[in-house]
Amino acid sequence: MKFPCLDVKLVPIVKVVSNDYNPNKVATPEMRLLKLSMELDGVTMPIVTYYDSEKDTYIVVDGFHRYTILKDHLHSDVVPVVVIDKPLDERMGSTIRHNRARGTHQIRPMSDVVIELTRQGWTETDICKKLGMELDEVIRLKQITGLKEAFANHVFSKSWEEYEARRREENRHV
């Protein structure tokens, strides 16, 4: 078993280039979330690369979006990389494996996380901003685990009270 993750190098970002075969695209909201994650947590994972000695460049195998955030948004001069030494076809396979191995969040455990963050004092606004969610998604996740606790601190509109007051007034005159 090899452990390239133990040999991280900090290289000038100008020596890192993207590959031309990665089919993975990340939507704008997720890119904003990745940027926020990197701002709040730092760079927690190196970029997986192949070193092209003829051109003296590091070609991205995995981590293109992290690399893009570092280069275009955070304007870093350096990037942490690990190097794998594989032919192009194997690097292409590696890129796809990395993309597909990320998985997705399961709804119930994600709902549990939202409830726990609420217990810890996070507001719906905090959850939306820090986890890259829309308010309706947060509300749906809260509904899964139980309405009473999930909405204990939710601020509801006054429309229901106004409706009830009008209804009582109308019934008084009947």
N, C-alpha and C. Protein backbone atom coordinates (compact mmCIF):
# COMPACT_ATOMS: atom_id res chain seq x y z
N MET A 1 0.85 -1.18 0.00
CA MET A 1 0.00 0.00 0.00
C MET A 1 0.89 1.23 0.00
N LYS A 2 0.59 2.16 -0.90
CA LYS A 2 1.33 3.42 -0.95
C LYS A 2 0.53 4.48 -0.20
N PHE A 3 1.23 5.48 0.35
CA PHE A 3 0.60 6.58 1.06
C PHE A 3 1.14 7.92 0.55
N PRO A 4 0.75 8.30 -0.67
CA PRO A 4 1.23 9.59 -1.19
C PRO A 4 0.77 10.76 -0.33
N CYS A 5 -0.28 10.57 0.45
CA CYS A 5 -0.79 11.64 1.31
C CYS A 5 0.23 12.07 2.36
N LEU A 6 1.24 11.23 2.60
CA LEU A 6 2.25 11.56 3.59
C LEU A 6 3.42 12.36 3.00
N ASP A 7 3.37 12.61 1.70
CA ASP A 7 4.45 13.33 1.04
C ASP A 7 3.90 14.60 0.37
N VAL A 8 3.35 15.48 1.17
CA VAL A 8 2.77 16.73 0.65
C VAL A 8 3.88 17.72 0.37
N LYS A 9 3.78 18.36 -0.80
CA LYS A 9 4.75 19.39 -1.18
C LYS A 9 4.01 20.69 -1.40
N LEU A 10 4.60 21.76 -0.99
CA LEU A 10 4.04 23.09 -1.26
C LEU A 10 4.77 23.63 -2.49
N VAL A 11 4.02 23.78 -3.59
CA VAL A 11 4.65 24.21 -4.84
C VAL A 11 4.04 25.53 -5.31
N PRO A 12 4.79 26.27 -6.12
CA PRO A 12 4.23 27.51 -6.67
C PRO A 12 2.98 27.21 -7.50
N ILE A 13 1.94 27.97 -7.29
CA ILE A 13 0.68 27.71 -7.97
C ILE A 13 0.81 27.85 -9.48
N VAL A 14 1.77 28.62 -9.95
CA VAL A 14 1.96 28.79 -11.40
C VAL A 14 2.47 27.51 -12.05
N LYS A 15 2.95 26.56 -11.26
CA LYS A 15 3.42 25.29 -11.81
C LYS A 15 2.31 24.23 -11.86
N VAL A 16 1.12 24.57 -11.38
CA VAL A 16 0.01 23.62 -11.35
C VAL A 16 -0.95 23.96 -12.50
N VAL A 17 -1.35 22.93 -13.24
CA VAL A 17 -2.28 23.11 -14.36
C VAL A 17 -3.39 22.07 -14.27
N SER A 18 -4.54 22.41 -14.81
CA SER A 18 -5.66 21.46 -14.79
C SER A 18 -5.47 20.41 -15.89
N ASN A 19 -6.13 19.30 -15.71
CA ASN A 19 -6.13 18.29 -16.78
C ASN A 19 -7.23 18.66 -17.78
N ASP A 20 -7.27 17.99 -18.89
CA ASP A 20 -8.27 18.33 -19.91
C ASP A 20 -9.34 17.26 -20.08
N TYR A 21 -9.52 16.43 -19.05
CA TYR A 21 -10.47 15.32 -19.19
C TYR A 21 -11.46 15.19 -18.03
N ASN A 22 -11.38 16.03 -17.02
CA ASN A 22 -12.25 15.87 -15.84
C ASN A 22 -13.69 16.25 -16.19
N PRO A 23 -14.62 15.30 -16.10
CA PRO A 23 -16.01 15.60 -16.43
C PRO A 23 -16.79 16.22 -15.26
N ASN A 24 -16.16 16.34 -14.10
CA ASN A 24 -16.86 16.82 -12.92
C ASN A 24 -17.03 18.33 -12.95
N LYS A 25 -18.24 18.77 -12.73
CA LYS A 25 -18.55 20.20 -12.63
C LYS A 25 -19.20 20.44 -11.27
N VAL A 26 -18.93 21.60 -10.71
CA VAL A 26 -19.53 21.96 -9.42
C VAL A 26 -20.36 23.21 -9.62
N ALA A 27 -21.59 23.17 -9.14
CA ALA A 27 -22.50 24.31 -9.28
C ALA A 27 -22.02 25.48 -8.44
N THR A 28 -22.45 26.66 -8.81
CA THR A 28 -22.03 27.90 -8.13
C THR A 28 -22.25 27.88 -6.62
N PRO A 29 -23.40 27.44 -6.12
CA PRO A 29 -23.57 27.43 -4.65
C PRO A 29 -22.54 26.55 -3.95
N GLU A 30 -22.23 25.40 -4.54
CA GLU A 30 -21.25 24.51 -3.93
C GLU A 30 -19.84 25.10 -4.02
N MET A 31 -19.55 25.83 -5.11
CA MET A 31 -18.24 26.50 -5.20
C MET A 31 -18.12 27.58 -4.13
N ARG A 32 -19.22 28.31 -3.89
CA ARG A 32 -19.20 29.32 -2.82
C ARG A 32 -18.96 28.64 -1.47
N LEU A 33 -19.59 27.49 -1.28
CA LEU A 33 -19.42 26.76 -0.03
C LEU A 33 -17.99 26.24 0.11
N LEU A 34 -17.42 25.76 -0.98
CA LEU A 34 -16.03 25.31 -0.94
C LEU A 34 -15.10 26.45 -0.58
N LYS A 35 -15.34 27.61 -1.16
CA LYS A 35 -14.53 28.79 -0.84
C LYS A 35 -14.66 29.14 0.63
N LEU A 36 -15.89 29.15 1.14
CA LEU A 36 -16.12 29.44 2.56
C LEU A 36 -15.41 28.40 3.43
N SER A 37 -15.52 27.14 3.06
CA SER A 37 -14.87 26.08 3.81
C SER A 37 -13.37 26.31 3.87
N MET A 38 -12.78 26.68 2.76
CA MET A 38 -11.34 26.90 2.72
C MET A 38 -10.95 28.15 3.51
N GLU A 39 -11.81 29.16 3.50
CA GLU A 39 -11.54 30.36 4.28
C GLU A 39 -11.62 30.06 5.78
N LEU A 40 -12.63 29.28 6.18
CA LEU A 40 -12.84 29.00 7.60
C LEU A 40 -11.93 27.90 8.14
N ASP A 41 -11.68 26.88 7.33
CA ASP A 41 -10.94 25.71 7.80
C ASP A 41 -9.52 25.61 7.27
N GLY A 42 -9.20 26.42 6.26
CA GLY A 42 -7.90 26.30 5.59
C GLY A 42 -7.95 25.20 4.55
N VAL A 43 -6.80 24.89 3.98
CA VAL A 43 -6.70 23.82 2.98
C VAL A 43 -6.43 22.53 3.74
N THR A 44 -7.43 21.69 3.82
CA THR A 44 -7.33 20.48 4.63
C THR A 44 -6.90 19.26 3.84
N MET A 45 -6.94 19.38 2.51
CA MET A 45 -6.54 18.25 1.67
C MET A 45 -5.66 18.76 0.53
N PRO A 46 -4.56 18.08 0.27
CA PRO A 46 -3.71 18.51 -0.85
C PRO A 46 -4.36 18.15 -2.18
N ILE A 47 -3.87 18.77 -3.23
CA ILE A 47 -4.32 18.48 -4.58
C ILE A 47 -3.53 17.27 -5.07
N VAL A 48 -4.22 16.29 -5.64
CA VAL A 48 -3.56 15.11 -6.20
C VAL A 48 -3.10 15.48 -7.61
N THR A 49 -1.80 15.27 -7.89
CA THR A 49 -1.24 15.69 -9.17
C THR A 49 -0.35 14.60 -9.77
N TYR A 50 -0.02 14.82 -11.02
CA TYR A 50 1.01 14.05 -11.73
C TYR A 50 2.08 15.06 -12.11
N TYR A 51 3.34 14.75 -11.85
CA TYR A 51 4.41 15.68 -12.20
C TYR A 51 4.92 15.40 -13.60
N ASP A 52 4.82 16.40 -14.48
CA ASP A 52 5.33 16.32 -15.84
C ASP A 52 6.72 16.96 -15.83
N SER A 53 7.75 16.12 -15.79
CA SER A 53 9.12 16.63 -15.66
C SER A 53 9.58 17.39 -16.90
N GLU A 54 9.06 17.04 -18.07
CA GLU A 54 9.44 17.76 -19.30
C GLU A 54 8.99 19.22 -19.27
N LYS A 55 7.80 19.43 -18.75
CA LYS A 55 7.25 20.80 -18.69
C LYS A 55 7.43 21.44 -17.32
N ASP A 56 7.91 20.67 -16.35
CA ASP A 56 8.05 21.13 -14.97
C ASP A 56 6.72 21.67 -14.43
N THR A 57 5.66 20.87 -14.65
CA THR A 57 4.33 21.25 -14.16
C THR A 57 3.71 20.08 -13.42
N TYR A 58 2.76 20.44 -12.57
CA TYR A 58 1.97 19.46 -11.83
C TYR A 58 0.57 19.48 -12.41
N ILE A 59 0.15 18.36 -12.98
CA ILE A 59 -1.17 18.27 -13.61
C ILE A 59 -2.16 17.73 -12.58
N VAL A 60 -3.26 18.44 -12.40
CA VAL A 60 -4.27 18.06 -11.40
C VAL A 60 -4.95 16.75 -11.81
N VAL A 61 -4.95 15.80 -10.88
CA VAL A 61 -5.69 14.55 -11.04
C VAL A 61 -6.98 14.64 -10.24
N ASP A 62 -6.88 15.15 -9.02
CA ASP A 62 -8.06 15.37 -8.17
C ASP A 62 -7.83 16.62 -7.35
N GLY A 63 -8.89 17.44 -7.22
CA GLY A 63 -8.80 18.66 -6.43
C GLY A 63 -8.85 19.91 -7.28
N PHE A 64 -9.34 19.75 -8.52
CA PHE A 64 -9.40 20.89 -9.44
C PHE A 64 -10.15 22.08 -8.85
N HIS A 65 -11.26 21.82 -8.18
CA HIS A 65 -12.07 22.92 -7.65
C HIS A 65 -11.39 23.60 -6.48
N ARG A 66 -10.68 22.84 -5.64
CA ARG A 66 -9.89 23.45 -4.57
C ARG A 66 -8.76 24.29 -5.17
N TYR A 67 -8.13 23.75 -6.19
CA TYR A 67 -7.07 24.48 -6.88
C TYR A 67 -7.61 25.78 -7.47
N THR A 68 -8.79 25.71 -8.09
CA THR A 68 -9.41 26.90 -8.70
C THR A 68 -9.70 27.96 -7.65
N ILE A 69 -10.24 27.55 -6.51
CA ILE A 69 -10.53 28.50 -5.43
C ILE A 69 -9.23 29.14 -4.95
N LEU A 70 -8.21 28.34 -4.74
CA LEU A 70 -6.91 28.88 -4.30
C LEU A 70 -6.37 29.89 -5.29
N LYS A 71 -6.43 29.56 -6.56
CA LYS A 71 -5.82 30.39 -7.59
C LYS A 71 -6.66 31.63 -7.90
N ASP A 72 -7.94 31.43 -8.18
CA ASP A 72 -8.77 32.52 -8.70
C ASP A 72 -9.47 33.36 -7.64
N HIS A 73 -9.72 32.80 -6.48
CA HIS A 73 -10.50 33.50 -5.47
C HIS A 73 -9.69 33.90 -4.24
N LEU A 74 -8.79 33.02 -3.82
CA LEU A 74 -7.99 33.31 -2.63
C LEU A 74 -6.60 33.84 -3.01
N HIS A 75 -6.28 33.81 -4.28
CA HIS A 75 -5.05 34.38 -4.84
C HIS A 75 -3.80 33.89 -4.11
N SER A 76 -3.76 32.59 -3.87
CA SER A 76 -2.61 31.98 -3.21
C SER A 76 -1.44 31.89 -4.19
N ASP A 77 -0.24 32.01 -3.68
CA ASP A 77 0.97 31.85 -4.49
C ASP A 77 1.44 30.40 -4.52
N VAL A 78 0.96 29.61 -3.57
CA VAL A 78 1.40 28.22 -3.45
C VAL A 78 0.18 27.31 -3.30
N VAL A 79 0.41 26.02 -3.53
CA VAL A 79 -0.65 25.03 -3.38
C VAL A 79 -0.01 23.73 -2.86
N PRO A 80 -0.68 23.08 -1.88
CA PRO A 80 -0.15 21.80 -1.40
C PRO A 80 -0.54 20.69 -2.39
N VAL A 81 0.42 19.87 -2.77
CA VAL A 81 0.15 18.78 -3.71
C VAL A 81 0.75 17.49 -3.21
N VAL A 82 0.17 16.40 -3.65
CA VAL A 82 0.78 15.09 -3.58
C VAL A 82 0.91 14.62 -5.01
N VAL A 83 1.89 13.79 -5.27
CA VAL A 83 2.17 13.35 -6.63
C VAL A 83 1.94 11.85 -6.75
N ILE A 84 1.20 11.46 -7.79
CA ILE A 84 1.09 10.05 -8.15
C ILE A 84 1.78 9.90 -9.51
N ASP A 85 2.46 8.79 -9.70
CA ASP A 85 3.20 8.56 -10.94
C ASP A 85 2.51 7.45 -11.72
N LYS A 86 1.59 7.86 -12.59
CA LYS A 86 0.81 6.90 -13.36
C LYS A 86 0.68 7.40 -14.79
N PRO A 87 0.50 6.50 -15.74
CA PRO A 87 0.25 6.94 -17.12
C PRO A 87 -1.12 7.60 -17.23
N LEU A 88 -1.34 8.30 -18.32
CA LEU A 88 -2.55 9.08 -18.52
C LEU A 88 -3.83 8.28 -18.28
N ASP A 89 -3.94 7.09 -18.84
CA ASP A 89 -5.18 6.32 -18.68
C ASP A 89 -5.45 6.02 -17.21
N GLU A 90 -4.42 5.71 -16.44
CA GLU A 90 -4.59 5.44 -15.01
C GLU A 90 -4.96 6.71 -14.24
N ARG A 91 -4.40 7.84 -14.66
CA ARG A 91 -4.75 9.12 -14.02
C ARG A 91 -6.22 9.46 -14.31
N MET A 92 -6.66 9.20 -15.52
CA MET A 92 -8.07 9.45 -15.86
C MET A 92 -8.97 8.58 -14.98
N GLY A 93 -8.61 7.33 -14.83
CA GLY A 93 -9.38 6.43 -13.96
C GLY A 93 -9.37 6.93 -12.52
N SER A 94 -8.23 7.40 -12.08
CA SER A 94 -8.11 7.93 -10.72
C SER A 94 -9.02 9.14 -10.52
N THR A 95 -9.04 10.03 -11.50
CA THR A 95 -9.91 11.22 -11.41
C THR A 95 -11.36 10.81 -11.24
N ILE A 96 -11.81 9.87 -12.05
CA ILE A 96 -13.21 9.42 -11.98
C ILE A 96 -13.47 8.73 -10.65
N ARG A 97 -12.56 7.90 -10.18
CA ARG A 97 -12.76 7.23 -8.88
C ARG A 97 -12.87 8.24 -7.76
N HIS A 98 -11.98 9.24 -7.77
CA HIS A 98 -12.05 10.28 -6.74
C HIS A 98 -13.39 11.00 -6.78
N ASN A 99 -13.84 11.34 -7.97
CA ASN A 99 -15.13 12.05 -8.11
C ASN A 99 -16.29 11.21 -7.59
N ARG A 100 -16.33 9.96 -8.01
CA ARG A 100 -17.47 9.11 -7.66
C ARG A 100 -17.43 8.62 -6.22
N ALA A 101 -16.26 8.56 -5.62
CA ALA A 101 -16.13 8.04 -4.26
C ALA A 101 -16.58 9.04 -3.21
N ARG A 102 -16.84 10.27 -3.60
CA ARG A 102 -17.22 11.28 -2.62
C ARG A 102 -18.58 11.00 -1.99
N GLY A 103 -19.47 10.36 -2.71
CA GLY A 103 -20.77 10.01 -2.15
C GLY A 103 -21.68 11.21 -2.00
N THR A 104 -22.80 10.97 -1.38
CA THR A 104 -23.78 12.02 -1.13
C THR A 104 -24.22 11.94 0.31
N HIS A 105 -24.81 13.02 0.80
CA HIS A 105 -25.31 13.03 2.16
C HIS A 105 -26.66 12.33 2.22
N GLN A 106 -26.82 11.46 3.21
CA GLN A 106 -28.09 10.80 3.43
C GLN A 106 -29.02 11.76 4.17
N ILE A 107 -30.29 11.71 3.87
CA ILE A 107 -31.24 12.69 4.38
C ILE A 107 -31.38 12.62 5.90
N ARG A 108 -31.61 11.45 6.46
CA ARG A 108 -31.84 11.35 7.91
C ARG A 108 -30.62 11.80 8.72
N PRO A 109 -29.42 11.31 8.40
CA PRO A 109 -28.26 11.81 9.16
C PRO A 109 -28.03 13.32 8.98
N MET A 110 -28.32 13.84 7.79
CA MET A 110 -28.17 15.28 7.57
C MET A 110 -29.20 16.03 8.42
N SER A 111 -30.39 15.48 8.53
CA SER A 111 -31.42 16.08 9.37
C SER A 111 -30.98 16.09 10.83
N ASP A 112 -30.37 15.00 11.27
CA ASP A 112 -29.86 14.93 12.64
C ASP A 112 -28.80 15.99 12.89
N VAL A 113 -27.95 16.23 11.89
CA VAL A 113 -26.91 17.25 12.02
C VAL A 113 -27.55 18.63 12.17
N VAL A 114 -28.56 18.92 11.36
CA VAL A 114 -29.23 20.22 11.43
C VAL A 114 -29.88 20.41 12.80
N ILE A 115 -30.52 19.38 13.32
CA ILE A 115 -31.15 19.46 14.65
C ILE A 115 -30.08 19.69 15.71
N GLU A 116 -28.97 18.97 15.64
CA GLU A 116 -27.91 19.13 16.63
C GLU A 116 -27.30 20.53 16.57
N LEU A 117 -27.10 21.06 15.36
CA LEU A 117 -26.56 22.42 15.24
C LEU A 117 -27.54 23.43 15.83
N THR A 118 -28.83 23.18 15.66
CA THR A 118 -29.86 24.04 16.24
C THR A 118 -29.76 23.98 17.77
N ARG A 119 -29.59 22.78 18.31
CA ARG A 119 -29.42 22.63 19.76
C ARG A 119 -28.18 23.37 20.25
N GLN A 120 -27.16 23.41 19.41
CA GLN A 120 -25.90 24.06 19.77
C GLN A 120 -25.97 25.58 19.62
N GLY A 121 -27.14 26.09 19.19
CA GLY A 121 -27.32 27.53 19.12
C GLY A 121 -27.23 28.13 17.72
N TRP A 122 -27.03 27.30 16.71
CA TRP A 122 -26.99 27.84 15.35
C TRP A 122 -28.40 28.25 14.93
N THR A 123 -28.51 29.41 14.35
CA THR A 123 -29.80 29.85 13.80
C THR A 123 -29.97 29.24 12.41
N GLU A 124 -31.18 29.36 11.88
CA GLU A 124 -31.40 28.89 10.51
C GLU A 124 -30.52 29.67 9.54
N THR A 125 -30.31 30.94 9.81
CA THR A 125 -29.44 31.76 8.97
C THR A 125 -28.01 31.24 9.03
N ASP A 126 -27.53 30.88 10.24
CA ASP A 126 -26.19 30.31 10.39
C ASP A 126 -26.07 29.02 9.57
N ILE A 127 -27.06 28.16 9.71
CA ILE A 127 -27.02 26.87 9.01
C ILE A 127 -27.00 27.10 7.50
N CYS A 128 -27.86 28.00 7.02
CA CYS A 128 -27.89 28.30 5.59
C CYS A 128 -26.53 28.79 5.11
N LYS A 129 -25.98 29.75 5.82
CA LYS A 129 -24.73 30.37 5.39
C LYS A 129 -23.54 29.42 5.52
N LYS A 130 -23.42 28.76 6.65
CA LYS A 130 -22.23 27.96 6.92
C LYS A 130 -22.24 26.58 6.27
N LEU A 131 -23.43 26.10 5.91
CA LEU A 131 -23.51 24.79 5.26
C LEU A 131 -23.93 24.90 3.79
N GLY A 132 -24.14 26.13 3.32
CA GLY A 132 -24.48 26.31 1.91
C GLY A 132 -25.86 25.80 1.55
N MET A 133 -26.81 25.98 2.45
CA MET A 133 -28.17 25.49 2.22
C MET A 133 -29.13 26.65 2.00
N GLU A 134 -30.24 26.35 1.37
CA GLU A 134 -31.34 27.29 1.26
C GLU A 134 -32.25 27.09 2.47
N LEU A 135 -32.97 28.14 2.85
CA LEU A 135 -33.84 28.05 4.03
C LEU A 135 -34.86 26.93 3.91
N ASP A 136 -35.46 26.75 2.72
CA ASP A 136 -36.46 25.69 2.58
C ASP A 136 -35.85 24.31 2.79
N GLU A 137 -34.58 24.13 2.44
CA GLU A 137 -33.90 22.85 2.67
C GLU A 137 -33.71 22.62 4.17
N VAL A 138 -33.31 23.66 4.88
CA VAL A 138 -33.12 23.56 6.33
C VAL A 138 -34.45 23.20 6.99
N ILE A 139 -35.51 23.87 6.59
CA ILE A 139 -36.84 23.60 7.17
C ILE A 139 -37.27 22.17 6.87
N ARG A 140 -37.08 21.70 5.65
CA ARG A 140 -37.44 20.31 5.32
C ARG A 140 -36.65 19.33 6.18
N LEU A 141 -35.36 19.59 6.36
CA LEU A 141 -34.54 18.69 7.18
C LEU A 141 -34.99 18.71 8.64
N LYS A 142 -35.42 19.86 9.11
CA LYS A 142 -35.92 19.94 10.49
C LYS A 142 -37.23 19.15 10.64
N GLN A 143 -38.05 19.16 9.64
CA GLN A 143 -39.35 18.47 9.70
C GLN A 143 -39.18 16.97 9.82
N ILE A 144 -38.11 16.44 9.30
CA ILE A 144 -37.89 14.99 9.30
C ILE A 144 -37.76 14.44 10.70
N THR A 145 -37.10 15.18 11.59
CA THR A 145 -36.81 14.65 12.91
C THR A 145 -37.81 15.02 13.98
N GLY A 146 -38.76 15.81 13.69
CA GLY A 146 -39.75 16.17 14.69
C GLY A 146 -39.99 17.65 14.70
N LEU A 147 -41.23 18.02 14.59
CA LEU A 147 -41.58 19.43 14.44
C LEU A 147 -41.40 20.26 15.70
N LYS A 148 -41.81 19.74 16.84
CA LYS A 148 -41.80 20.56 18.05
C LYS A 148 -40.39 21.06 18.38
N GLU A 149 -39.45 20.14 18.50
CA GLU A 149 -38.08 20.53 18.85
C GLU A 149 -37.43 21.31 17.72
N ALA A 150 -37.67 20.89 16.50
CA ALA A 150 -37.00 21.52 15.36
C ALA A 150 -37.39 22.98 15.20
N PHE A 151 -38.62 23.29 15.51
CA PHE A 151 -39.10 24.65 15.29
C PHE A 151 -39.29 25.45 16.57
N ALA A 152 -38.67 24.99 17.65
CA ALA A 152 -38.82 25.67 18.94
C ALA A 152 -38.40 27.13 18.88
N ASN A 153 -37.37 27.43 18.12
CA ASN A 153 -36.86 28.81 18.05
C ASN A 153 -37.17 29.49 16.73
N HIS A 154 -37.99 28.87 15.91
CA HIS A 154 -38.32 29.45 14.60
C HIS A 154 -39.26 30.64 14.77
N VAL A 155 -39.00 31.71 14.06
CA VAL A 155 -39.86 32.89 14.12
C VAL A 155 -40.90 32.78 13.01
N PHE A 156 -42.14 32.65 13.41
CA PHE A 156 -43.23 32.53 12.45
C PHE A 156 -43.84 33.89 12.18
N SER A 157 -44.46 34.01 11.02
CA SER A 157 -45.11 35.28 10.67
C SER A 157 -46.37 35.46 11.50
N LYS A 158 -46.87 36.66 11.55
CA LYS A 158 -48.08 36.98 12.33
C LYS A 158 -49.35 36.72 11.52
N SER A 159 -49.24 36.23 10.30
CA SER A 159 -50.42 36.09 9.44
C SER A 159 -51.48 35.19 10.06
N TRP A 160 -51.10 34.10 10.74
CA TRP A 160 -52.09 33.22 11.33
C TRP A 160 -52.85 33.95 12.44
N GLU A 161 -52.16 34.73 13.27
CA GLU A 161 -52.83 35.48 14.33
C GLU A 161 -53.80 36.50 13.74
N GLU A 162 -53.39 37.17 12.66
CA GLU A 162 -54.26 38.15 12.01
C GLU A 162 -55.50 37.47 11.42
N TYR A 163 -55.31 36.30 10.83
CA TYR A 163 -56.42 35.54 10.28
C TYR A 163 -57.41 35.16 11.38
N GLU A 164 -56.89 34.66 12.49
CA GLU A 164 -57.74 34.25 13.61
C GLU A 164 -58.49 35.45 14.20
N ALA A 165 -57.84 36.60 14.31
CA ALA A 165 -58.50 37.80 14.84
C ALA A 165 -59.63 38.23 13.92
N ARG A 166 -59.40 38.21 12.62
CA ARG A 166 -60.47 38.57 11.65
C ARG A 166 -61.62 37.59 11.73
N ARG A 167 -61.31 36.31 11.83
CA ARG A 167 -62.35 35.28 11.90
C ARG A 167 -63.21 35.46 13.16
N ARG A 168 -62.56 35.75 14.31
CA ARG A 168 -63.32 35.96 15.55
C ARG A 168 -64.22 37.18 15.42
N GLU A 169 -63.67 38.25 14.81
CA GLU A 169 -64.45 39.46 14.63
C GLU A 169 -65.66 39.22 13.74
N GLU A 170 -65.47 38.47 12.66
CA GLU A 170 -66.58 38.17 11.75
C GLU A 170 -67.62 37.31 12.44
N ASN A 171 -67.21 36.35 13.25
CA ASN A 171 -68.13 35.46 13.95
C ASN A 171 -68.90 36.20 15.03
N ARG A 172 -68.33 37.26 15.59
CA ARG A 172 -69.01 38.05 16.60
C ARG A 172 -70.24 38.75 16.02
N HIS A 173 -70.13 39.14 14.74
CA HIS A 173 -71.24 39.87 14.10
C HIS A 173 -72.28 38.96 13.49
N VAL A 174 -72.09 37.69 13.53
CA VAL A 174 -73.05 36.76 12.92
C VAL A 174 -74.18 36.44 13.82
